[in-house]
Amino acid sequence: NCRMNGVILSDARVRHVRFVDCRLEEANLRFSRLENVVFEDCALGGADLTGATLESVTFDRCDLRRAELHQATMTSTRVAGCELEGLRGATRLAGSTITSGELMPLALSLLAELRISLED
């Protein structure tokens, strides 16, 4: 239940940590290494995970809108019940597990990243 909006944790190593009901908007986690980390009911809108390595990380019911994932590497990452609108670097979720609720927002982010237009 912490509040760390705008926290700078670039190049940090975060292991075996559970964040519950935390506010981490605009957090800078660039090039960090996260191992066995759980984010549960957290606000991570606009968080920057550029170049980060995520291994066995879970995002459960988190706000990841406008989060940045470019050059991130994910292994055994799980995304469930999260807000993904405007997610940047969505292709970096390759190999992750998502739930059906993330399907449409993630598809829209992927289409935007691939510069594919949707026309009715």
Protein backbone atom coordinates (compact mmCIF):
# COMPACT_ATOMS: atom_id res chain seq x y z
CA ASN A 1 0.00 0.00 0.00
CA CYS A 2 2.85 2.36 -0.82
CA ARG A 3 2.91 5.45 -2.97
CA MET A 4 5.99 5.82 -5.18
CA ASN A 5 4.83 7.85 -8.16
CA GLY A 6 7.81 8.74 -10.35
CA VAL A 7 10.22 6.56 -8.37
CA ILE A 8 13.55 5.97 -10.12
CA LEU A 9 14.67 2.37 -9.96
CA SER A 10 16.62 2.23 -13.20
CA ASP A 11 19.27 -0.50 -13.28
CA ALA A 12 17.89 -1.89 -10.02
CA ARG A 13 17.65 -5.56 -9.12
CA VAL A 14 14.29 -6.38 -7.54
CA ARG A 15 13.89 -9.96 -6.30
CA HIS A 16 11.16 -11.74 -4.34
CA VAL A 17 9.02 -8.63 -3.79
CA ARG A 18 5.25 -8.30 -3.70
CA PHE A 19 3.68 -4.89 -4.38
CA VAL A 20 0.02 -4.78 -3.32
CA ASP A 21 -2.28 -1.80 -3.88
CA CYS A 22 0.66 0.48 -4.69
CA ARG A 23 0.81 3.66 -6.76
CA LEU A 24 3.80 3.47 -9.10
CA GLU A 25 2.68 5.76 -11.92
CA GLU A 26 5.49 7.00 -14.16
CA ALA A 27 7.96 4.73 -12.31
CA ASN A 28 11.35 4.47 -14.02
CA LEU A 29 12.38 0.81 -14.12
CA ARG A 30 14.58 1.14 -17.21
CA PHE A 31 17.12 -1.67 -17.57
CA SER A 32 16.13 -3.14 -14.20
CA ARG A 33 16.03 -6.87 -13.46
CA LEU A 34 12.84 -8.10 -11.80
CA GLU A 35 12.74 -11.70 -10.58
CA ASN A 36 9.82 -13.37 -8.80
CA VAL A 37 7.96 -10.07 -8.41
CA VAL A 38 4.20 -9.67 -8.04
CA PHE A 39 2.30 -6.46 -8.75
CA GLU A 40 -1.24 -6.85 -7.42
CA ASP A 41 -3.87 -4.09 -7.75
CA CYS A 42 -1.13 -1.59 -8.59
CA ALA A 43 -1.26 1.63 -10.61
CA LEU A 44 1.66 1.49 -13.06
CA GLY A 45 0.30 3.89 -15.68
CA GLY A 46 3.12 5.38 -17.74
CA ALA A 47 5.75 3.17 -16.06
CA ASP A 48 8.95 2.84 -18.11
CA LEU A 49 10.26 -0.73 -18.35
CA THR A 50 12.48 -0.09 -21.37
CA GLY A 51 15.23 -2.69 -21.54
CA ALA A 52 14.10 -4.34 -18.31
CA THR A 53 14.38 -8.08 -17.72
CA LEU A 54 11.29 -9.61 -16.14
CA GLU A 55 11.51 -13.21 -14.98
CA SER A 56 8.55 -14.85 -13.21
CA VAL A 57 6.75 -11.52 -12.84
CA THR A 58 2.97 -11.29 -12.33
CA PHE A 59 0.79 -8.26 -13.03
CA ASP A 60 -2.57 -8.96 -11.42
CA ARG A 61 -5.38 -6.39 -11.80
CA CYS A 62 -2.90 -3.58 -12.52
CA ASP A 63 -3.21 -0.37 -14.50
CA LEU A 64 -0.52 -0.62 -17.20
CA ARG A 65 -1.99 2.04 -19.49
CA ARG A 66 0.70 3.91 -21.42
CA ALA A 67 3.46 1.71 -19.91
CA GLU A 68 6.63 1.42 -21.99
CA LEU A 69 8.01 -2.06 -22.74
CA HIS A 70 10.44 -1.44 -25.62
CA GLN A 71 13.49 -3.72 -25.50
CA ALA A 72 12.11 -5.48 -22.39
CA THR A 73 12.67 -9.23 -22.06
CA MET A 74 10.00 -11.34 -20.39
CA THR A 75 10.20 -14.93 -19.20
CA SER A 76 7.29 -16.64 -17.40
CA THR A 77 5.45 -13.33 -17.12
CA ARG A 78 1.71 -13.35 -16.38
CA VAL A 79 -0.75 -10.51 -17.04
CA ALA A 80 -4.26 -10.95 -15.62
CA GLY A 81 -7.14 -8.49 -15.28
CA CYS A 82 -4.99 -5.50 -16.28
CA GLU A 83 -5.70 -2.24 -18.09
CA LEU A 84 -3.50 -2.24 -21.22
CA GLU A 85 -4.82 0.67 -23.28
CA GLY A 86 -2.00 2.62 -24.91
CA LEU A 87 0.64 0.07 -23.93
CA ARG A 88 3.85 0.77 -25.89
CA GLY A 89 6.15 -2.02 -26.96
CA ALA A 90 3.37 -4.60 -26.77
CA THR A 91 5.35 -7.07 -28.90
CA ARG A 92 7.73 -7.46 -25.94
CA LEU A 93 4.99 -9.45 -24.19
CA ALA A 94 5.92 -12.35 -26.47
CA GLY A 95 6.02 -15.52 -24.43
CA SER A 96 3.87 -14.07 -21.64
CA THR A 97 0.56 -15.45 -20.47
CA ILE A 98 -2.50 -13.18 -20.58
CA THR A 99 -6.15 -13.71 -19.73
CA SER A 100 -9.00 -13.22 -22.21
CA GLY A 101 -9.85 -9.82 -20.70
CA GLU A 102 -6.57 -8.39 -22.04
CA LEU A 103 -7.12 -9.70 -25.55
CA MET A 104 -8.82 -6.69 -27.15
CA PRO A 105 -6.74 -3.89 -25.55
CA LEU A 106 -3.55 -5.81 -26.31
CA ALA A 107 -4.67 -6.44 -29.90
CA LEU A 108 -5.25 -2.71 -30.37
CA SER A 109 -1.78 -1.90 -28.97
CA LEU A 110 -0.22 -4.50 -31.27
CA LEU A 111 -2.06 -3.12 -34.30
CA ALA A 112 -0.87 0.40 -33.47
CA GLU A 113 2.72 -0.79 -32.99
CA LEU A 114 2.65 -2.59 -36.32
CA ARG A 115 1.05 0.46 -37.96
CA ILE A 116 -1.96 -1.58 -39.07
CA SER A 117 -5.11 0.44 -39.59
CA LEU A 118 -8.49 -0.92 -38.63
CA GLU A 119 -11.27 -0.12 -41.06
CA ASP A 120 -14.96 -1.04 -40.89
